[in-house]
Amino acid sequence: MKAVRELMSTNCKTVTLQDNVHEIAVLMAENDIGFVPVVETEDHNKIIGVVTDRDLVLRGYAQKRPGSCPVQDVMSGSLITISPDQDAEAAADLMAQHQIRRLPVVDNDKLVGIITLGDLSLGSTTGRDAGIALSEISEDHHFLH
């Protein structure tokens, strides 16, 4: 079984509480991503939340918030994370249990990467784990992030 650190992406784009909704949307568009971790400061990668493209729509634009709206108004603060030393099956289980498609990887309270459902399927966890996670996530459309 592969460890999360073998499958995760480490080149994570992040924002801080100093950023706003417009800046997050631009970052997502420029990098073709739909998930951005919110960290305490640029120097210190302590993760404090995440913003998804869905968060921008539901908590931002659908509520007629302006582009200057602060990050904390749209971010998800309840985080589910995993250690880079855990195995990929544990990541798949967490994703299925919490119905999420992306999981921040945290070591000593700092963001070190992100593992996605796609990473699991490409990383041969057992293909089965990613498939089970996806089917359980797809059953209910109330995603956290």
N, C-alpha and C. Protein backbone atom coordinates (compact mmCIF):
# COMPACT_ATOMS: atom_id res chain seq x y z
N MET A 1 0.85 -1.19 0.00
CA MET A 1 0.00 0.00 0.00
C MET A 1 0.89 1.24 0.00
N LYS A 2 0.59 2.16 -0.89
CA LYS A 2 1.37 3.39 -0.97
C LYS A 2 0.99 4.36 0.15
N ALA A 3 1.97 5.14 0.55
CA ALA A 3 1.73 6.19 1.54
C ALA A 3 1.16 7.42 0.84
N VAL A 4 0.42 8.21 1.57
CA VAL A 4 -0.15 9.44 1.03
C VAL A 4 0.93 10.31 0.41
N ARG A 5 2.10 10.41 1.05
CA ARG A 5 3.18 11.26 0.54
C ARG A 5 3.64 10.86 -0.86
N GLU A 6 3.43 9.60 -1.25
CA GLU A 6 3.83 9.14 -2.58
C GLU A 6 2.84 9.56 -3.66
N LEU A 7 1.64 9.93 -3.28
CA LEU A 7 0.59 10.23 -4.25
C LEU A 7 0.15 11.70 -4.26
N MET A 8 0.43 12.41 -3.19
CA MET A 8 -0.09 13.78 -3.03
C MET A 8 0.61 14.77 -3.95
N SER A 9 -0.08 15.87 -4.22
CA SER A 9 0.51 16.99 -4.94
C SER A 9 1.13 17.91 -3.90
N THR A 10 2.31 18.42 -4.18
CA THR A 10 2.99 19.28 -3.21
C THR A 10 3.04 20.74 -3.65
N ASN A 11 2.74 21.01 -4.88
CA ASN A 11 2.77 22.38 -5.39
C ASN A 11 1.40 23.02 -5.19
N CYS A 12 1.08 23.33 -3.93
CA CYS A 12 -0.25 23.82 -3.58
C CYS A 12 -0.34 25.34 -3.67
N LYS A 13 -1.34 25.82 -4.33
CA LYS A 13 -1.64 27.25 -4.33
C LYS A 13 -2.45 27.51 -3.07
N THR A 14 -2.13 28.57 -2.34
CA THR A 14 -2.82 28.88 -1.09
C THR A 14 -3.21 30.35 -1.06
N VAL A 15 -4.12 30.67 -0.15
CA VAL A 15 -4.48 32.06 0.13
C VAL A 15 -4.45 32.25 1.64
N THR A 16 -4.49 33.51 2.06
CA THR A 16 -4.55 33.84 3.48
C THR A 16 -5.83 34.63 3.73
N LEU A 17 -6.08 34.95 4.97
CA LEU A 17 -7.26 35.74 5.32
C LEU A 17 -7.17 37.16 4.78
N GLN A 18 -6.02 37.55 4.27
CA GLN A 18 -5.84 38.87 3.68
C GLN A 18 -6.40 38.94 2.26
N ASP A 19 -6.67 37.77 1.66
CA ASP A 19 -7.18 37.73 0.29
C ASP A 19 -8.70 37.88 0.26
N ASN A 20 -9.24 38.09 -0.93
CA ASN A 20 -10.69 38.22 -1.07
C ASN A 20 -11.22 37.25 -2.12
N VAL A 21 -12.53 37.23 -2.26
CA VAL A 21 -13.20 36.29 -3.15
C VAL A 21 -12.73 36.43 -4.59
N HIS A 22 -12.58 37.65 -5.05
CA HIS A 22 -12.12 37.87 -6.43
C HIS A 22 -10.72 37.27 -6.64
N GLU A 23 -9.82 37.49 -5.70
CA GLU A 23 -8.45 36.97 -5.83
C GLU A 23 -8.45 35.43 -5.85
N ILE A 24 -9.32 34.83 -5.07
CA ILE A 24 -9.41 33.36 -5.08
C ILE A 24 -9.93 32.87 -6.42
N ALA A 25 -10.97 33.52 -6.94
CA ALA A 25 -11.53 33.12 -8.23
C ALA A 25 -10.49 33.24 -9.34
N VAL A 26 -9.71 34.31 -9.33
CA VAL A 26 -8.65 34.49 -10.33
C VAL A 26 -7.60 33.40 -10.18
N LEU A 27 -7.18 33.10 -8.95
CA LEU A 27 -6.19 32.05 -8.69
C LEU A 27 -6.68 30.71 -9.22
N MET A 28 -7.95 30.41 -8.96
CA MET A 28 -8.53 29.15 -9.45
C MET A 28 -8.55 29.11 -10.97
N ALA A 29 -8.97 30.21 -11.59
CA ALA A 29 -9.04 30.25 -13.05
C ALA A 29 -7.66 30.14 -13.69
N GLU A 30 -6.69 30.87 -13.16
CA GLU A 30 -5.34 30.86 -13.73
C GLU A 30 -4.65 29.50 -13.60
N ASN A 31 -5.00 28.75 -12.55
CA ASN A 31 -4.33 27.47 -12.29
C ASN A 31 -5.21 26.26 -12.55
N ASP A 32 -6.41 26.49 -13.09
CA ASP A 32 -7.36 25.42 -13.41
C ASP A 32 -7.57 24.50 -12.21
N ILE A 33 -7.89 25.11 -11.06
CA ILE A 33 -8.12 24.36 -9.83
C ILE A 33 -9.46 24.78 -9.23
N GLY A 34 -10.03 23.93 -8.40
CA GLY A 34 -11.29 24.23 -7.76
C GLY A 34 -11.23 24.12 -6.25
N PHE A 35 -10.01 24.13 -5.71
CA PHE A 35 -9.80 23.92 -4.27
C PHE A 35 -8.56 24.69 -3.86
N VAL A 36 -8.71 25.58 -2.88
CA VAL A 36 -7.57 26.37 -2.41
C VAL A 36 -7.54 26.36 -0.89
N PRO A 37 -6.47 25.85 -0.29
CA PRO A 37 -6.32 25.90 1.17
C PRO A 37 -6.10 27.34 1.64
N VAL A 38 -6.63 27.65 2.80
CA VAL A 38 -6.42 28.94 3.45
C VAL A 38 -5.42 28.71 4.56
N VAL A 39 -4.29 29.41 4.51
CA VAL A 39 -3.25 29.25 5.51
C VAL A 39 -3.14 30.52 6.35
N GLU A 40 -2.56 30.36 7.53
CA GLU A 40 -2.44 31.47 8.47
C GLU A 40 -1.68 32.65 7.86
N THR A 41 -0.49 32.39 7.35
CA THR A 41 0.31 33.40 6.65
C THR A 41 1.04 32.71 5.51
N GLU A 42 1.54 33.49 4.57
CA GLU A 42 2.27 32.92 3.45
C GLU A 42 3.53 32.19 3.90
N ASP A 43 4.14 32.68 4.97
CA ASP A 43 5.38 32.08 5.47
C ASP A 43 5.12 30.83 6.29
N HIS A 44 4.02 30.82 6.99
CA HIS A 44 3.69 29.72 7.89
C HIS A 44 2.47 29.00 7.33
N ASN A 45 2.64 27.81 6.82
CA ASN A 45 1.58 27.08 6.14
C ASN A 45 0.60 26.37 7.07
N LYS A 46 0.30 26.95 8.22
CA LYS A 46 -0.70 26.34 9.10
C LYS A 46 -2.07 26.52 8.44
N ILE A 47 -2.71 25.41 8.10
CA ILE A 47 -3.99 25.47 7.39
C ILE A 47 -5.12 25.79 8.37
N ILE A 48 -5.96 26.74 7.96
CA ILE A 48 -7.07 27.14 8.82
C ILE A 48 -8.43 26.98 8.13
N GLY A 49 -8.42 26.64 6.86
CA GLY A 49 -9.66 26.44 6.13
C GLY A 49 -9.37 26.12 4.68
N VAL A 50 -10.43 25.96 3.92
CA VAL A 50 -10.31 25.74 2.47
C VAL A 50 -11.45 26.48 1.77
N VAL A 51 -11.21 26.81 0.52
CA VAL A 51 -12.26 27.39 -0.32
C VAL A 51 -12.33 26.55 -1.58
N THR A 52 -13.53 26.13 -1.92
CA THR A 52 -13.75 25.40 -3.17
C THR A 52 -14.50 26.30 -4.14
N ASP A 53 -14.50 25.89 -5.40
CA ASP A 53 -15.28 26.64 -6.38
C ASP A 53 -16.75 26.64 -5.97
N ARG A 54 -17.19 25.58 -5.37
CA ARG A 54 -18.58 25.48 -4.88
C ARG A 54 -18.83 26.48 -3.74
N ASP A 55 -17.85 26.64 -2.85
CA ASP A 55 -17.97 27.63 -1.77
C ASP A 55 -18.15 29.03 -2.36
N LEU A 56 -17.37 29.34 -3.40
CA LEU A 56 -17.47 30.66 -4.03
C LEU A 56 -18.87 30.91 -4.55
N VAL A 57 -19.46 29.88 -5.13
CA VAL A 57 -20.81 30.04 -5.68
C VAL A 57 -21.85 30.12 -4.58
N LEU A 58 -21.86 29.12 -3.68
CA LEU A 58 -22.92 29.05 -2.67
C LEU A 58 -22.83 30.11 -1.58
N ARG A 59 -21.63 30.36 -1.09
CA ARG A 59 -21.47 31.32 0.01
C ARG A 59 -21.08 32.71 -0.46
N GLY A 60 -20.70 32.81 -1.73
CA GLY A 60 -20.27 34.09 -2.27
C GLY A 60 -21.28 34.67 -3.24
N TYR A 61 -21.17 34.26 -4.48
CA TYR A 61 -21.96 34.88 -5.54
C TYR A 61 -23.46 34.66 -5.38
N ALA A 62 -23.91 33.50 -4.95
CA ALA A 62 -25.33 33.25 -4.78
C ALA A 62 -25.93 34.12 -3.67
N GLN A 63 -25.09 34.57 -2.76
CA GLN A 63 -25.55 35.45 -1.69
C GLN A 63 -25.24 36.92 -2.00
N LYS A 64 -24.91 37.16 -3.27
CA LYS A 64 -24.65 38.51 -3.77
C LYS A 64 -23.53 39.23 -3.04
N ARG A 65 -22.51 38.45 -2.61
CA ARG A 65 -21.35 39.07 -1.97
C ARG A 65 -20.45 39.66 -3.06
N PRO A 66 -19.85 40.79 -2.80
CA PRO A 66 -18.98 41.41 -3.81
C PRO A 66 -17.64 40.70 -3.90
N GLY A 67 -16.90 40.96 -4.95
CA GLY A 67 -15.57 40.38 -5.13
C GLY A 67 -14.60 40.76 -4.03
N SER A 68 -14.89 41.86 -3.35
CA SER A 68 -14.02 42.29 -2.26
C SER A 68 -14.34 41.59 -0.94
N CYS A 69 -15.30 40.69 -0.97
CA CYS A 69 -15.70 39.93 0.22
C CYS A 69 -14.50 39.15 0.76
N PRO A 70 -14.26 39.18 2.08
CA PRO A 70 -13.10 38.47 2.63
C PRO A 70 -13.21 36.95 2.58
N VAL A 71 -12.08 36.31 2.55
CA VAL A 71 -11.99 34.85 2.48
C VAL A 71 -12.84 34.17 3.56
N GLN A 72 -12.76 34.64 4.79
CA GLN A 72 -13.45 33.94 5.88
C GLN A 72 -14.96 33.90 5.69
N ASP A 73 -15.52 34.75 4.83
CA ASP A 73 -16.97 34.72 4.58
C ASP A 73 -17.39 33.56 3.69
N VAL A 74 -16.45 32.98 2.96
CA VAL A 74 -16.81 31.88 2.05
C VAL A 74 -16.09 30.57 2.35
N MET A 75 -15.08 30.60 3.20
CA MET A 75 -14.27 29.39 3.41
C MET A 75 -14.98 28.37 4.30
N SER A 76 -14.61 27.11 4.10
CA SER A 76 -15.04 26.03 4.98
C SER A 76 -13.99 25.93 6.08
N GLY A 77 -14.43 26.05 7.30
CA GLY A 77 -13.49 26.03 8.42
C GLY A 77 -13.33 24.67 9.05
N SER A 78 -14.33 23.80 8.89
CA SER A 78 -14.22 22.46 9.47
C SER A 78 -13.39 21.60 8.53
N LEU A 79 -12.20 21.27 8.98
CA LEU A 79 -11.24 20.58 8.12
C LEU A 79 -11.12 19.10 8.44
N ILE A 80 -11.01 18.33 7.41
CA ILE A 80 -10.65 16.93 7.50
C ILE A 80 -9.28 16.85 6.84
N THR A 81 -8.28 16.37 7.55
CA THR A 81 -6.92 16.31 7.01
C THR A 81 -6.35 14.91 7.22
N ILE A 82 -5.21 14.68 6.62
CA ILE A 82 -4.52 13.39 6.77
C ILE A 82 -3.02 13.65 6.85
N SER A 83 -2.32 12.74 7.49
CA SER A 83 -0.87 12.81 7.59
C SER A 83 -0.24 12.22 6.33
N PRO A 84 0.92 12.72 5.92
CA PRO A 84 1.59 12.15 4.75
C PRO A 84 2.06 10.72 4.97
N ASP A 85 2.16 10.30 6.24
CA ASP A 85 2.64 8.95 6.54
C ASP A 85 1.54 7.90 6.54
N GLN A 86 0.28 8.34 6.50
CA GLN A 86 -0.80 7.37 6.46
C GLN A 86 -0.87 6.74 5.08
N ASP A 87 -1.53 5.59 4.99
CA ASP A 87 -1.59 4.94 3.69
C ASP A 87 -2.78 5.46 2.88
N ALA A 88 -2.71 5.22 1.59
CA ALA A 88 -3.71 5.74 0.66
C ALA A 88 -5.10 5.18 0.96
N GLU A 89 -5.17 3.98 1.49
CA GLU A 89 -6.48 3.42 1.84
C GLU A 89 -7.16 4.25 2.92
N ALA A 90 -6.38 4.75 3.88
CA ALA A 90 -6.93 5.61 4.92
C ALA A 90 -7.47 6.90 4.30
N ALA A 91 -6.78 7.44 3.31
CA ALA A 91 -7.25 8.65 2.62
C ALA A 91 -8.57 8.36 1.91
N ALA A 92 -8.64 7.23 1.22
CA ALA A 92 -9.88 6.86 0.53
C ALA A 92 -11.03 6.69 1.52
N ASP A 93 -10.74 6.07 2.65
CA ASP A 93 -11.77 5.89 3.68
C ASP A 93 -12.27 7.24 4.21
N LEU A 94 -11.34 8.17 4.49
CA LEU A 94 -11.73 9.50 4.98
C LEU A 94 -12.58 10.24 3.94
N MET A 95 -12.16 10.16 2.69
CA MET A 95 -12.92 10.84 1.63
C MET A 95 -14.33 10.28 1.53
N ALA A 96 -14.45 8.96 1.59
CA ALA A 96 -15.77 8.33 1.51
C ALA A 96 -16.60 8.68 2.74
N GLN A 97 -16.01 8.58 3.90
CA GLN A 97 -16.74 8.84 5.15
C GLN A 97 -17.26 10.28 5.22
N HIS A 98 -16.46 11.23 4.77
CA HIS A 98 -16.83 12.65 4.88
C HIS A 98 -17.34 13.24 3.57
N GLN A 99 -17.42 12.40 2.54
CA GLN A 99 -17.92 12.78 1.22
C GLN A 99 -17.19 14.00 0.66
N ILE A 100 -15.88 13.88 0.60
CA ILE A 100 -15.04 14.93 0.04
C ILE A 100 -14.15 14.35 -1.04
N ARG A 101 -13.74 15.16 -1.97
CA ARG A 101 -12.93 14.71 -3.10
C ARG A 101 -11.47 15.12 -2.99
N ARG A 102 -11.18 16.03 -2.07
CA ARG A 102 -9.81 16.53 -1.89
C ARG A 102 -9.51 16.57 -0.40
N LEU A 103 -8.29 16.19 -0.06
CA LEU A 103 -7.92 16.08 1.35
C LEU A 103 -6.59 16.78 1.58
N PRO A 104 -6.58 17.83 2.40
CA PRO A 104 -5.29 18.47 2.72
C PRO A 104 -4.40 17.50 3.50
N VAL A 105 -3.13 17.50 3.17
CA VAL A 105 -2.15 16.66 3.85
C VAL A 105 -1.36 17.57 4.78
N VAL A 106 -1.38 17.23 6.07
CA VAL A 106 -0.81 18.09 7.09
C VAL A 106 0.23 17.34 7.91
N ASP A 107 1.37 18.00 8.14
CA ASP A 107 2.43 17.44 8.97
C ASP A 107 2.85 18.52 9.96
N ASN A 108 2.78 18.22 11.25
CA ASN A 108 3.10 19.21 12.30
C ASN A 108 2.32 20.50 12.12
N ASP A 109 1.03 20.37 11.89
CA ASP A 109 0.11 21.50 11.72
C ASP A 109 0.36 22.33 10.46
N LYS A 110 1.23 21.89 9.58
CA LYS A 110 1.50 22.65 8.36
C LYS A 110 1.05 21.87 7.13
N LEU A 111 0.48 22.61 6.17
CA LEU A 111 0.07 22.04 4.90
C LEU A 111 1.31 21.60 4.12
N VAL A 112 1.35 20.33 3.73
CA VAL A 112 2.48 19.84 2.94
C VAL A 112 2.04 19.32 1.57
N GLY A 113 0.73 19.21 1.36
CA GLY A 113 0.23 18.73 0.09
C GLY A 113 -1.27 18.56 0.09
N ILE A 114 -1.76 18.05 -1.03
CA ILE A 114 -3.18 17.73 -1.18
C ILE A 114 -3.26 16.41 -1.91
N ILE A 115 -4.13 15.54 -1.44
CA ILE A 115 -4.39 14.29 -2.16
C ILE A 115 -5.83 14.32 -2.62
N THR A 116 -6.04 13.93 -3.85
CA THR A 116 -7.37 13.97 -4.45
C THR A 116 -7.84 12.57 -4.80
N LEU A 117 -9.11 12.48 -5.10
CA LEU A 117 -9.67 11.22 -5.55
C LEU A 117 -8.94 10.74 -6.81
N GLY A 118 -8.59 11.68 -7.68
CA GLY A 118 -7.84 11.35 -8.89
C GLY A 118 -6.47 10.78 -8.59
N ASP A 119 -5.81 11.35 -7.57
CA ASP A 119 -4.49 10.84 -7.16
C ASP A 119 -4.61 9.39 -6.71
N LEU A 120 -5.68 9.10 -5.98
CA LEU A 120 -5.88 7.73 -5.49
C LEU A 120 -6.12 6.76 -6.64
N SER A 121 -6.90 7.19 -7.63
CA SER A 121 -7.19 6.28 -8.73
C SER A 121 -5.97 6.05 -9.61
N LEU A 122 -5.15 7.08 -9.77
CA LEU A 122 -3.94 6.94 -10.58
C LEU A 122 -2.81 6.24 -9.84
N GLY A 123 -2.86 6.30 -8.51
CA GLY A 123 -1.78 5.76 -7.69
C GLY A 123 -1.93 4.31 -7.34
N SER A 124 -2.92 3.64 -7.90
CA SER A 124 -3.12 2.22 -7.64
C SER A 124 -3.19 1.91 -6.15
N THR A 125 -4.07 2.60 -5.45
CA THR A 125 -4.29 2.23 -4.05
C THR A 125 -4.77 0.80 -4.09
N THR A 126 -5.73 0.57 -4.82
CA THR A 126 -6.21 -0.70 -5.35
C THR A 126 -7.31 -0.31 -6.29
N GLY A 127 -7.33 0.75 -6.94
CA GLY A 127 -8.39 1.16 -7.84
C GLY A 127 -9.74 1.00 -7.18
N ARG A 128 -9.90 -0.09 -6.46
CA ARG A 128 -11.14 -0.41 -5.76
C ARG A 128 -11.41 0.63 -4.67
N ASP A 129 -10.37 1.04 -3.92
CA ASP A 129 -10.56 2.03 -2.86
C ASP A 129 -11.07 3.35 -3.43
N ALA A 130 -10.47 3.80 -4.51
CA ALA A 130 -10.90 5.06 -5.13
C ALA A 130 -12.32 4.91 -5.67
N GLY A 131 -12.61 3.76 -6.25
CA GLY A 131 -13.96 3.51 -6.78
C GLY A 131 -15.01 3.51 -5.68
N ILE A 132 -14.70 2.87 -4.57
CA ILE A 132 -15.63 2.84 -3.44
C ILE A 132 -15.81 4.25 -2.88
N ALA A 133 -14.71 4.98 -2.72
CA ALA A 133 -14.80 6.35 -2.21
C ALA A 133 -15.66 7.20 -3.13
N LEU A 134 -15.44 7.09 -4.44
CA LEU A 134 -16.21 7.89 -5.40
C LEU A 134 -17.69 7.54 -5.34
N SER A 135 -18.01 6.25 -5.26
CA SER A 135 -19.43 5.88 -5.23
C SER A 135 -20.09 6.37 -3.95
N GLU A 136 -19.37 6.33 -2.83
CA GLU A 136 -19.94 6.83 -1.57
C GLU A 136 -20.06 8.34 -1.57
N ILE A 137 -19.11 9.02 -2.17
CA ILE A 137 -19.17 10.48 -2.27
C ILE A 137 -20.33 10.88 -3.17
N SER A 138 -20.52 10.16 -4.24
CA SER A 138 -21.54 10.51 -5.23
C SER A 138 -22.96 10.22 -4.76
N GLU A 139 -23.12 9.40 -3.74
CA GLU A 139 -24.45 9.08 -3.24
C GLU A 139 -25.18 10.30 -2.73
N ASP A 140 -24.47 11.21 -2.07
CA ASP A 140 -25.08 12.39 -1.48
C ASP A 140 -24.30 13.59 -1.97
N HIS A 141 -25.00 14.62 -2.38
CA HIS A 141 -24.31 15.77 -2.96
C HIS A 141 -24.08 16.90 -1.97
N HIS A 142 -23.88 16.59 -0.70
CA HIS A 142 -23.59 17.60 0.32
C HIS A 142 -22.11 17.54 0.66
N PHE A 143 -21.27 18.03 -0.26
CA PHE A 143 -19.83 17.99 -0.09
C PHE A 143 -19.38 19.06 0.88
N LEU A 144 -18.41 18.73 1.73
CA LEU A 144 -17.80 19.73 2.60
C LEU A 144 -16.82 20.58 1.83
N HIS A 145 -15.95 19.91 1.01
CA HIS A 145 -14.97 20.61 0.18
C HIS A 145 -14.44 19.70 -0.87
